[in-house]
Amino acid sequence: MGLELYLDLLSQPCRAVYIFAKKNSIPFELCSVDLRKGQHLSDVFAQVNPRQKVPALKGGDFILTESLWVPAAKSLKADPSWLRGTSVWRRQWGRSSSRRPMRSS
């Protein structure tokens, strides 16, 4: 089973993930979620992402719903050595309660 990428190309975070996957030749099945029609609020999509936000990445039983980590997971799948860079990023940058990167002391 391949990767399923749930997104709406009208959303900037979705476009960023889509462009990243295309640029890095990472195979995925595009699953469109129309935000204007409220498809992200449906019970069907809630099974993919209980937070009801896009983009979301599904690969078998693994589901990733944090848009920042979707490219990271895709990079890891393409090049497993990529993960070493994430530990450096996490040590340098923490997370605030608003889930935005915050410089740690």
PDB file of N, CA and C in Angstrom:
ATOM      1  N   MET A   1       0.846  -1.181   0.000  1.00  0.00           N
ATOM      2  CA  MET A   1       0.000   0.000   0.000  1.00  0.00           C
ATOM      3  C   MET A   1       0.888   1.239   0.000  1.00  0.00           C
ATOM      4  N   GLY A   2       0.576   2.212  -0.838  1.00  0.00           N
ATOM      5  CA  GLY A   2       1.368   3.420  -0.950  1.00  0.00           C
ATOM      6  C   GLY A   2       0.902   4.504  -0.001  1.00  0.00           C
ATOM      7  N   LEU A   3       1.529   5.654  -0.129  1.00  0.00           N
ATOM      8  CA  LEU A   3       1.177   6.803   0.692  1.00  0.00           C
ATOM      9  C   LEU A   3      -0.050   7.503   0.126  1.00  0.00           C
ATOM     10  N   GLU A   4      -0.937   7.915   1.012  1.00  0.00           N
ATOM     11  CA  GLU A   4      -2.112   8.702   0.629  1.00  0.00           C
ATOM     12  C   GLU A   4      -1.932  10.083   1.231  1.00  0.00           C
ATOM     13  N   LEU A   5      -2.015  11.093   0.386  1.00  0.00           N
ATOM     14  CA  LEU A   5      -1.844  12.470   0.846  1.00  0.00           C
ATOM     15  C   LEU A   5      -3.181  13.190   0.710  1.00  0.00           C
ATOM     16  N   TYR A   6      -3.736  13.592   1.851  1.00  0.00           N
ATOM     17  CA  TYR A   6      -5.020  14.282   1.887  1.00  0.00           C
ATOM     18  C   TYR A   6      -4.757  15.781   1.951  1.00  0.00           C
ATOM     19  N   LEU A   7      -5.269  16.512   0.947  1.00  0.00           N
ATOM     20  CA  LEU A   7      -5.039  17.956   0.925  1.00  0.00           C
ATOM     21  C   LEU A   7      -5.996  18.679   0.006  1.00  0.00           C
ATOM     22  N   ASP A   8      -5.987  20.000   0.151  1.00  0.00           N
ATOM     23  CA  ASP A   8      -6.712  20.910  -0.736  1.00  0.00           C
ATOM     24  C   ASP A   8      -5.674  21.890  -1.266  1.00  0.00           C
ATOM     25  N   LEU A   9      -5.483  21.922  -2.567  1.00  0.00           N
ATOM     26  CA  LEU A   9      -4.436  22.750  -3.153  1.00  0.00           C
ATOM     27  C   LEU A   9      -4.695  24.251  -3.004  1.00  0.00           C
ATOM     28  N   LEU A  10      -5.867  24.649  -2.508  1.00  0.00           N
ATOM     29  CA  LEU A  10      -6.113  26.060  -2.216  1.00  0.00           C
ATOM     30  C   LEU A  10      -5.443  26.475  -0.908  1.00  0.00           C
ATOM     31  N   SER A  11      -5.031  25.506  -0.112  1.00  0.00           N
ATOM     32  CA  SER A  11      -4.382  25.769   1.170  1.00  0.00           C
ATOM     33  C   SER A  11      -2.870  25.847   0.975  1.00  0.00           C
ATOM     34  N   GLN A  12      -2.239  26.906   1.493  1.00  0.00           N
ATOM     35  CA  GLN A  12      -0.801  27.080   1.332  1.00  0.00           C
ATOM     36  C   GLN A  12       0.001  25.946   1.969  1.00  0.00           C
ATOM     37  N   PRO A  13      -0.298  25.508   3.203  1.00  0.00           N
ATOM     38  CA  PRO A  13       0.460  24.382   3.756  1.00  0.00           C
ATOM     39  C   PRO A  13       0.313  23.114   2.914  1.00  0.00           C
ATOM     40  N   CYS A  14      -0.859  22.906   2.340  1.00  0.00           N
ATOM     41  CA  CYS A  14      -1.079  21.738   1.473  1.00  0.00           C
ATOM     42  C   CYS A  14      -0.243  21.847   0.204  1.00  0.00           C
ATOM     43  N   ARG A  15      -0.217  23.033  -0.388  1.00  0.00           N
ATOM     44  CA  ARG A  15       0.587  23.222  -1.600  1.00  0.00           C
ATOM     45  C   ARG A  15       2.060  22.986  -1.324  1.00  0.00           C
ATOM     46  N   ALA A  16       2.536  23.439  -0.178  1.00  0.00           N
ATOM     47  CA  ALA A  16       3.944  23.247   0.178  1.00  0.00           C
ATOM     48  C   ALA A  16       4.292  21.764   0.259  1.00  0.00           C
ATOM     49  N   VAL A  17       3.434  20.983   0.895  1.00  0.00           N
ATOM     50  CA  VAL A  17       3.667  19.540   1.018  1.00  0.00           C
ATOM     51  C   VAL A  17       3.573  18.874  -0.355  1.00  0.00           C
ATOM     52  N   TYR A  18       2.596  19.281  -1.160  1.00  0.00           N
ATOM     53  CA  TYR A  18       2.412  18.718  -2.494  1.00  0.00           C
ATOM     54  C   TYR A  18       3.639  18.991  -3.373  1.00  0.00           C
ATOM     55  N   ILE A  19       4.102  20.244  -3.369  1.00  0.00           N
ATOM     56  CA  ILE A  19       5.273  20.618  -4.178  1.00  0.00           C
ATOM     57  C   ILE A  19       6.504  19.858  -3.700  1.00  0.00           C
ATOM     58  N   PHE A  20       6.652  19.741  -2.392  1.00  0.00           N
ATOM     59  CA  PHE A  20       7.788  19.005  -1.837  1.00  0.00           C
ATOM     60  C   PHE A  20       7.794  17.556  -2.329  1.00  0.00           C
ATOM     61  N   ALA A  21       6.645  16.912  -2.276  1.00  0.00           N
ATOM     62  CA  ALA A  21       6.552  15.510  -2.705  1.00  0.00           C
ATOM     63  C   ALA A  21       6.834  15.369  -4.201  1.00  0.00           C
ATOM     64  N   LYS A  22       6.279  16.254  -4.998  1.00  0.00           N
ATOM     65  CA  LYS A  22       6.505  16.206  -6.444  1.00  0.00           C
ATOM     66  C   LYS A  22       7.971  16.468  -6.783  1.00  0.00           C
ATOM     67  N   LYS A  23       8.547  17.489  -6.167  1.00  0.00           N
ATOM     68  CA  LYS A  23       9.931  17.866  -6.434  1.00  0.00           C
ATOM     69  C   LYS A  23      10.907  16.744  -6.081  1.00  0.00           C
ATOM     70  N   ASN A  24      10.588  15.988  -5.028  1.00  0.00           N
ATOM     71  CA  ASN A  24      11.463  14.916  -4.577  1.00  0.00           C
ATOM     72  C   ASN A  24      11.057  13.543  -5.125  1.00  0.00           C
ATOM     73  N   SER A  25      10.164  13.538  -6.102  1.00  0.00           N
ATOM     74  CA  SER A  25       9.716  12.305  -6.777  1.00  0.00           C
ATOM     75  C   SER A  25       9.272  11.231  -5.785  1.00  0.00           C
ATOM     76  N   ILE A  26       8.516  11.640  -4.783  1.00  0.00           N
ATOM     77  CA  ILE A  26       7.990  10.703  -3.791  1.00  0.00           C
ATOM     78  C   ILE A  26       6.600  10.278  -4.243  1.00  0.00           C
ATOM     79  N   PRO A  27       6.395   8.983  -4.494  1.00  0.00           N
ATOM     80  CA  PRO A  27       5.098   8.527  -4.997  1.00  0.00           C
ATOM     81  C   PRO A  27       4.018   8.603  -3.919  1.00  0.00           C
ATOM     82  N   PHE A  28       2.852   9.103  -4.301  1.00  0.00           N
ATOM     83  CA  PHE A  28       1.722   9.180  -3.384  1.00  0.00           C
ATOM     84  C   PHE A  28       0.433   9.208  -4.182  1.00  0.00           C
ATOM     85  N   GLU A  29      -0.645   8.850  -3.502  1.00  0.00           N
ATOM     86  CA  GLU A  29      -1.984   8.948  -4.089  1.00  0.00           C
ATOM     87  C   GLU A  29      -2.603  10.230  -3.548  1.00  0.00           C
ATOM     88  N   LEU A  30      -3.036  11.100  -4.441  1.00  0.00           N
ATOM     89  CA  LEU A  30      -3.639  12.369  -4.044  1.00  0.00           C
ATOM     90  C   LEU A  30      -5.102  12.149  -3.675  1.00  0.00           C
ATOM     91  N   CYS A  31      -5.468  12.516  -2.454  1.00  0.00           N
ATOM     92  CA  CYS A  31      -6.846  12.430  -1.980  1.00  0.00           C
ATOM     93  C   CYS A  31      -7.310  13.851  -1.687  1.00  0.00           C
ATOM     94  N   SER A  32      -8.109  14.411  -2.583  1.00  0.00           N
ATOM     95  CA  SER A  32      -8.550  15.802  -2.440  1.00  0.00           C
ATOM     96  C   SER A  32      -9.594  15.940  -1.342  1.00  0.00           C
ATOM     97  N   VAL A  33      -9.428  16.974  -0.543  1.00  0.00           N
ATOM     98  CA  VAL A  33     -10.378  17.322   0.508  1.00  0.00           C
ATOM     99  C   VAL A  33     -10.773  18.771   0.244  1.00  0.00           C
ATOM    100  N   ASP A  34     -12.020  18.998  -0.133  1.00  0.00           N
ATOM    101  CA  ASP A  34     -12.477  20.354  -0.478  1.00  0.00           C
ATOM    102  C   ASP A  34     -12.840  21.115   0.799  1.00  0.00           C
ATOM    103  N   LEU A  35     -11.978  22.042   1.173  1.00  0.00           N
ATOM    104  CA  LEU A  35     -12.200  22.820   2.390  1.00  0.00           C
ATOM    105  C   LEU A  35     -13.423  23.726   2.280  1.00  0.00           C
ATOM    106  N   ARG A  36     -13.661  24.271   1.088  1.00  0.00           N
ATOM    107  CA  ARG A  36     -14.810  25.177   0.907  1.00  0.00           C
ATOM    108  C   ARG A  36     -16.139  24.464   1.102  1.00  0.00           C
ATOM    109  N   LYS A  37     -16.170  23.172   0.806  1.00  0.00           N
ATOM    110  CA  LYS A  37     -17.398  22.394   0.988  1.00  0.00           C
ATOM    111  C   LYS A  37     -17.467  21.765   2.374  1.00  0.00           C
ATOM    112  N   GLY A  38     -16.417  21.945   3.161  1.00  0.00           N
ATOM    113  CA  GLY A  38     -16.408  21.413   4.519  1.00  0.00           C
ATOM    114  C   GLY A  38     -16.127  19.923   4.604  1.00  0.00           C
ATOM    115  N   GLN A  39     -15.502  19.351   3.579  1.00  0.00           N
ATOM    116  CA  GLN A  39     -15.225  17.916   3.591  1.00  0.00           C
ATOM    117  C   GLN A  39     -14.287  17.521   4.727  1.00  0.00           C
ATOM    118  N   HIS A  40     -13.457  18.458   5.177  1.00  0.00           N
ATOM    119  CA  HIS A  40     -12.539  18.168   6.281  1.00  0.00           C
ATOM    120  C   HIS A  40     -13.286  18.002   7.612  1.00  0.00           C
ATOM    121  N   LEU A  41     -14.535  18.424   7.677  1.00  0.00           N
ATOM    122  CA  LEU A  41     -15.342  18.305   8.883  1.00  0.00           C
ATOM    123  C   LEU A  41     -16.222  17.058   8.888  1.00  0.00           C
ATOM    124  N   SER A  42     -16.146  16.265   7.834  1.00  0.00           N
ATOM    125  CA  SER A  42     -16.993  15.078   7.726  1.00  0.00           C
ATOM    126  C   SER A  42     -16.505  13.958   8.636  1.00  0.00           C
ATOM    127  N   ASP A  43     -17.407  13.038   8.947  1.00  0.00           N
ATOM    128  CA  ASP A  43     -17.055  11.872   9.768  1.00  0.00           C
ATOM    129  C   ASP A  43     -16.072  10.973   9.045  1.00  0.00           C
ATOM    130  N   VAL A  44     -16.166  10.903   7.721  1.00  0.00           N
ATOM    131  CA  VAL A  44     -15.258  10.068   6.931  1.00  0.00           C
ATOM    132  C   VAL A  44     -13.827  10.576   7.074  1.00  0.00           C
ATOM    133  N   PHE A  45     -13.631  11.890   6.936  1.00  0.00           N
ATOM    134  CA  PHE A  45     -12.285  12.446   7.066  1.00  0.00           C
ATOM    135  C   PHE A  45     -11.798  12.400   8.515  1.00  0.00           C
ATOM    136  N   ALA A  46     -12.705  12.477   9.482  1.00  0.00           N
ATOM    137  CA  ALA A  46     -12.314  12.401  10.899  1.00  0.00           C
ATOM    138  C   ALA A  46     -11.660  11.065  11.221  1.00  0.00           C
ATOM    139  N   GLN A  47     -11.939  10.029  10.440  1.00  0.00           N
ATOM    140  CA  GLN A  47     -11.274   8.736  10.642  1.00  0.00           C
ATOM    141  C   GLN A  47      -9.813   8.816  10.214  1.00  0.00           C
ATOM    142  N   VAL A  48      -9.513   9.675   9.256  1.00  0.00           N
ATOM    143  CA  VAL A  48      -8.130   9.885   8.824  1.00  0.00           C
ATOM    144  C   VAL A  48      -7.434  10.822   9.796  1.00  0.00           C
ATOM    145  N   ASN A  49      -8.060  11.950  10.093  1.00  0.00           N
ATOM    146  CA  ASN A  49      -7.484  12.939  10.999  1.00  0.00           C
ATOM    147  C   ASN A  49      -8.561  13.435  11.964  1.00  0.00           C
ATOM    148  N   PRO A  50      -8.531  12.975  13.212  1.00  0.00           N
ATOM    149  CA  PRO A  50      -9.530  13.408  14.190  1.00  0.00           C
ATOM    150  C   PRO A  50      -9.508  14.917  14.440  1.00  0.00           C
ATOM    151  N   ARG A  51      -8.377  15.584  14.159  1.00  0.00           N
ATOM    152  CA  ARG A  51      -8.297  17.043  14.308  1.00  0.00           C
ATOM    153  C   ARG A  51      -8.985  17.758  13.150  1.00  0.00           C
ATOM    154  N   GLN A  52      -9.324  17.008  12.095  1.00  0.00           N
ATOM    155  CA  GLN A  52     -10.039  17.510  10.918  1.00  0.00           C
ATOM    156  C   GLN A  52      -9.304  18.661  10.241  1.00  0.00           C
ATOM    157  N   LYS A  53      -7.989  18.490  10.071  1.00  0.00           N
ATOM    158  CA  LYS A  53      -7.167  19.489   9.389  1.00  0.00           C
ATOM    159  C   LYS A  53      -6.377  18.820   8.277  1.00  0.00           C
ATOM    160  N   VAL A  54      -6.056  19.602   7.253  1.00  0.00           N
ATOM    161  CA  VAL A  54      -5.216  19.129   6.158  1.00  0.00           C
ATOM    162  C   VAL A  54      -3.932  19.940   6.161  1.00  0.00           C
ATOM    163  N   PRO A  55      -2.839  19.427   5.669  1.00  0.00           N
ATOM    164  CA  PRO A  55      -2.669  18.132   5.026  1.00  0.00           C
ATOM    165  C   PRO A  55      -2.545  17.010   6.044  1.00  0.00           C
ATOM    166  N   ALA A  56      -2.814  15.806   5.562  1.00  0.00           N
ATOM    167  CA  ALA A  56      -2.645  14.595   6.361  1.00  0.00           C
ATOM    168  C   ALA A  56      -2.022  13.540   5.461  1.00  0.00           C
ATOM    169  N   LEU A  57      -1.182  12.731   6.037  1.00  0.00           N
ATOM    170  CA  LEU A  57      -0.475  11.688   5.306  1.00  0.00           C
ATOM    171  C   LEU A  57      -0.824  10.355   5.932  1.00  0.00           C
ATOM    172  N   LYS A  58      -1.207   9.401   5.085  1.00  0.00           N
ATOM    173  CA  LYS A  58      -1.546   8.063   5.572  1.00  0.00           C
ATOM    174  C   LYS A  58      -0.748   7.044   4.778  1.00  0.00           C
ATOM    175  N   GLY A  59      -0.079   6.173   5.500  1.00  0.00           N
ATOM    176  CA  GLY A  59       0.678   5.091   4.886  1.00  0.00           C
ATOM    177  C   GLY A  59       0.411   3.818   5.664  1.00  0.00           C
ATOM    178  N   GLY A  60      -0.532   2.997   5.204  1.00  0.00           N
ATOM    179  CA  GLY A  60      -0.913   1.796   5.952  1.00  0.00           C
ATOM    180  C   GLY A  60      -1.620   2.194   7.238  1.00  0.00           C
ATOM    181  N   ASP A  61      -1.104   1.722   8.376  1.00  0.00           N
ATOM    182  CA  ASP A  61      -1.679   2.060   9.683  1.00  0.00           C
ATOM    183  C   ASP A  61      -1.130   3.374  10.239  1.00  0.00           C
ATOM    184  N   PHE A  62      -0.078   3.906   9.595  1.00  0.00           N
ATOM    185  CA  PHE A  62       0.567   5.128  10.064  1.00  0.00           C
ATOM    186  C   PHE A  62      -0.154   6.341   9.493  1.00  0.00           C
ATOM    187  N   ILE A  63      -0.545   7.273  10.373  1.00  0.00           N
ATOM    188  CA  ILE A  63      -1.202   8.505   9.935  1.00  0.00           C
ATOM    189  C   ILE A  63      -0.467   9.674  10.570  1.00  0.00           C
ATOM    190  N   LEU A  64      -0.114  10.655   9.739  1.00  0.00           N
ATOM    191  CA  LEU A  64       0.585  11.841  10.208  1.00  0.00           C
ATOM    192  C   LEU A  64      -0.286  13.052   9.912  1.00  0.00           C
ATOM    193  N   THR A  65      -0.588  13.838  10.940  1.00  0.00           N
ATOM    194  CA  THR A  65      -1.528  14.946  10.780  1.00  0.00           C
ATOM    195  C   THR A  65      -0.901  16.311  11.016  1.00  0.00           C
ATOM    196  N   GLU A  66       0.350  16.374  11.371  1.00  0.00           N
ATOM    197  CA  GLU A  66       1.036  17.642  11.636  1.00  0.00           C
ATOM    198  C   GLU A  66       1.723  18.088  10.351  1.00  0.00           C
ATOM    199  N   SER A  67       1.293  19.194   9.743  1.00  0.00           N
ATOM    200  CA  SER A  67       1.788  19.575   8.417  1.00  0.00           C
ATOM    201  C   SER A  67       3.291  19.775   8.371  1.00  0.00           C
ATOM    202  N   LEU A  68       3.902  20.217   9.466  1.00  0.00           N
ATOM    203  CA  LEU A  68       5.343  20.391   9.483  1.00  0.00           C
ATOM    204  C   LEU A  68       6.072  19.065   9.322  1.00  0.00           C
ATOM    205  N   TRP A  69       5.516  17.986   9.858  1.00  0.00           N
ATOM    206  CA  TRP A  69       6.192  16.692   9.843  1.00  0.00           C
ATOM    207  C   TRP A  69       5.855  15.857   8.624  1.00  0.00           C
ATOM    208  N   VAL A  70       4.884  16.266   7.814  1.00  0.00           N
ATOM    209  CA  VAL A  70       4.579  15.511   6.593  1.00  0.00           C
ATOM    210  C   VAL A  70       5.787  15.498   5.662  1.00  0.00           C
ATOM    211  N   PRO A  71       6.412  16.657   5.355  1.00  0.00           N
ATOM    212  CA  PRO A  71       7.621  16.598   4.514  1.00  0.00           C
ATOM    213  C   PRO A  71       8.752  15.820   5.193  1.00  0.00           C
ATOM    214  N   ALA A  72       8.831  15.913   6.514  1.00  0.00           N
ATOM    215  CA  ALA A  72       9.875  15.182   7.228  1.00  0.00           C
ATOM    216  C   ALA A  72       9.695  13.684   7.056  1.00  0.00           C
ATOM    217  N   ALA A  73       8.470  13.201   7.183  1.00  0.00           N
ATOM    218  CA  ALA A  73       8.206  11.771   7.027  1.00  0.00           C
ATOM    219  C   ALA A  73       8.473  11.334   5.595  1.00  0.00           C
ATOM    220  N   LYS A  74       8.111  12.163   4.648  1.00  0.00           N
ATOM    221  CA  LYS A  74       8.362  11.842   3.250  1.00  0.00           C
ATOM    222  C   LYS A  74       9.865  11.792   2.982  1.00  0.00           C
ATOM    223  N   SER A  75      10.617  12.737   3.560  1.00  0.00           N
ATOM    224  CA  SER A  75      12.063  12.742   3.383  1.00  0.00           C
ATOM    225  C   SER A  75      12.684  11.502   3.994  1.00  0.00           C
ATOM    226  N   LEU A  76      12.186  11.123   5.148  1.00  0.00           N
ATOM    227  CA  LEU A  76      12.710   9.940   5.829  1.00  0.00           C
ATOM    228  C   LEU A  76      12.481   8.694   4.998  1.00  0.00           C
ATOM    229  N   LYS A  77      11.318   8.626   4.346  1.00  0.00           N
ATOM    230  CA  LYS A  77      11.008   7.465   3.514  1.00  0.00           C
ATOM    231  C   LYS A  77      11.949   7.432   2.298  1.00  0.00           C
ATOM    232  N   ALA A  78      12.255   8.600   1.742  1.00  0.00           N
ATOM    233  CA  ALA A  78      13.128   8.669   0.572  1.00  0.00           C
ATOM    234  C   ALA A  78      14.598   8.485   0.949  1.00  0.00           C
ATOM    235  N   ASP A  79      15.003   9.023   2.124  1.00  0.00           N
ATOM    236  CA  ASP A  79      16.403   8.962   2.554  1.00  0.00           C
ATOM    237  C   ASP A  79      16.440   8.833   4.071  1.00  0.00           C
ATOM    238  N   PRO A  80      16.576   7.613   4.597  1.00  0.00           N
ATOM    239  CA  PRO A  80      16.534   7.396   6.050  1.00  0.00           C
ATOM    240  C   PRO A  80      17.575   8.189   6.835  1.00  0.00           C
ATOM    241  N   SER A  81      18.674   8.592   6.232  1.00  0.00           N
ATOM    242  CA  SER A  81      19.691   9.348   6.950  1.00  0.00           C
ATOM    243  C   SER A  81      19.238  10.782   7.237  1.00  0.00           C
ATOM    244  N   TRP A  82      18.138  11.218   6.618  1.00  0.00           N
ATOM    245  CA  TRP A  82      17.639  12.581   6.806  1.00  0.00           C
ATOM    246  C   TRP A  82      17.240  12.847   8.245  1.00  0.00           C
ATOM    247  N   LEU A  83      16.816  11.834   8.976  1.00  0.00           N
ATOM    248  CA  LEU A  83      16.298  11.991  10.325  1.00  0.00           C
ATOM    249  C   LEU A  83      17.308  12.626  11.277  1.00  0.00           C
ATOM    250  N   ARG A  84      18.588  12.448  11.049  1.00  0.00           N
ATOM    251  CA  ARG A  84      19.595  13.026  11.943  1.00  0.00           C
ATOM    252  C   ARG A  84      19.446  14.535  12.047  1.00  0.00           C
ATOM    253  N   GLY A  85      19.028  15.198  11.000  1.00  0.00           N
ATOM    254  CA  GLY A  85      18.862  16.649  11.031  1.00  0.00           C
ATOM    255  C   GLY A  85      17.724  17.109  11.915  1.00  0.00           C
ATOM    256  N   THR A  86      16.710  16.272  12.126  1.00  0.00           N
ATOM    257  CA  THR A  86      15.559  16.685  12.930  1.00  0.00           C
ATOM    258  C   THR A  86      15.922  16.837  14.394  1.00  0.00           C
ATOM    259  N   SER A  87      16.832  16.011  14.906  1.00  0.00           N
ATOM    260  CA  SER A  87      17.205  16.135  16.321  1.00  0.00           C
ATOM    261  C   SER A  87      17.929  17.458  16.567  1.00  0.00           C
ATOM    262  N   VAL A  88      18.695  17.908  15.602  1.00  0.00           N
ATOM    263  CA  VAL A  88      19.363  19.208  15.716  1.00  0.00           C
ATOM    264  C   VAL A  88      18.318  20.309  15.744  1.00  0.00           C
ATOM    265  N   TRP A  89      17.314  20.215  14.875  1.00  0.00           N
ATOM    266  CA  TRP A  89      16.252  21.223  14.825  1.00  0.00           C
ATOM    267  C   TRP A  89      15.497  21.272  16.151  1.00  0.00           C
ATOM    268  N   ARG A  90      15.177  20.104  16.720  1.00  0.00           N
ATOM    269  CA  ARG A  90      14.419  20.075  17.963  1.00  0.00           C
ATOM    270  C   ARG A  90      15.218  20.632  19.136  1.00  0.00           C
ATOM    271  N   ARG A  91      16.529  20.418  19.157  1.00  0.00           N
ATOM    272  CA  ARG A  91      17.339  20.975  20.232  1.00  0.00           C
ATOM    273  C   ARG A  91      17.404  22.491  20.113  1.00  0.00           C
ATOM    274  N   GLN A  92      17.442  22.988  18.900  1.00  0.00           N
ATOM    275  CA  GLN A  92      17.585  24.421  18.681  1.00  0.00           C
ATOM    276  C   GLN A  92      16.258  25.160  18.853  1.00  0.00           C
ATOM    277  N   TRP A  93      15.173  24.541  18.436  1.00  0.00           N
ATOM    278  CA  TRP A  93      13.871  25.194  18.477  1.00  0.00           C
ATOM    279  C   TRP A  93      12.921  24.358  19.322  1.00  0.00           C
ATOM    280  N   GLY A  94      12.243  25.011  20.256  1.00  0.00           N
ATOM    281  CA  GLY A  94      11.230  24.322  21.056  1.00  0.00           C
ATOM    282  C   GLY A  94       9.868  24.551  20.438  1.00  0.00           C
ATOM    283  N   ARG A  95       8.841  24.242  21.173  1.00  0.00           N
ATOM    284  CA  ARG A  95       7.477  24.498  20.713  1.00  0.00           C
ATOM    285  C   ARG A  95       6.746  25.281  21.780  1.00  0.00           C
ATOM    286  N   SER A  96       5.986  26.244  21.362  1.00  0.00           N
ATOM    287  CA  SER A  96       5.159  26.984  22.302  1.00  0.00           C
ATOM    288  C   SER A  96       3.795  26.309  22.356  1.00  0.00           C
ATOM    289  N   SER A  97       2.927  26.780  23.214  1.00  0.00           N
ATOM    290  CA  SER A  97       1.605  26.181  23.321  1.00  0.00           C
ATOM    291  C   SER A  97       0.782  26.408  22.066  1.00  0.00           C
ATOM    292  N   SER A  98       1.138  27.394  21.253  1.00  0.00           N
ATOM    293  CA  SER A  98       0.402  27.656  20.016  1.00  0.00           C
ATOM    294  C   SER A  98       0.922  26.798  18.867  1.00  0.00           C
ATOM    295  N   ARG A  99       1.868  25.871  19.169  1.00  0.00           N
ATOM    296  CA  ARG A  99       2.444  24.957  18.200  1.00  0.00           C
ATOM    297  C   ARG A  99       3.306  25.675  17.158  1.00  0.00           C
ATOM    298  N   ARG A 100       3.722  26.870  17.446  1.00  0.00           N
ATOM    299  CA  ARG A 100       4.623  27.574  16.551  1.00  0.00           C
ATOM    300  C   ARG A 100       6.040  27.436  17.085  1.00  0.00           C
ATOM    301  N   PRO A 101       7.010  27.341  16.200  1.00  0.00           N
ATOM    302  CA  PRO A 101       8.388  27.237  16.689  1.00  0.00           C
ATOM    303  C   PRO A 101       8.768  28.435  17.542  1.00  0.00           C
ATOM    304  N   MET A 102       9.473  28.163  18.615  1.00  0.00           N
ATOM    305  CA  MET A 102       9.903  29.221  19.505  1.00  0.00           C
ATOM    306  C   MET A 102      11.359  28.972  19.866  1.00  0.00           C
ATOM    307  N   ARG A 103      12.173  29.987  19.779  1.00  0.00           N
ATOM    308  CA  ARG A 103      13.606  29.858  20.064  1.00  0.00           C
ATOM    309  C   ARG A 103      13.788  29.491  21.525  1.00  0.00           C
ATOM    310  N   SER A 104      14.522  28.397  21.796  1.00  0.00           N
ATOM    311  CA  SER A 104      14.804  28.039  23.180  1.00  0.00           C
ATOM    312  C   SER A 104      16.116  28.662  23.611  1.00  0.00           C
ATOM    313  N   SER A 105      16.279  28.871  24.918  1.00  0.00           N
ATOM    314  CA  SER A 105      17.478  29.529  25.420  1.00  0.00           C
ATOM    315  C   SER A 105      18.673  28.621  25.433  1.00  0.00           C
TER     316      SER A 105
END
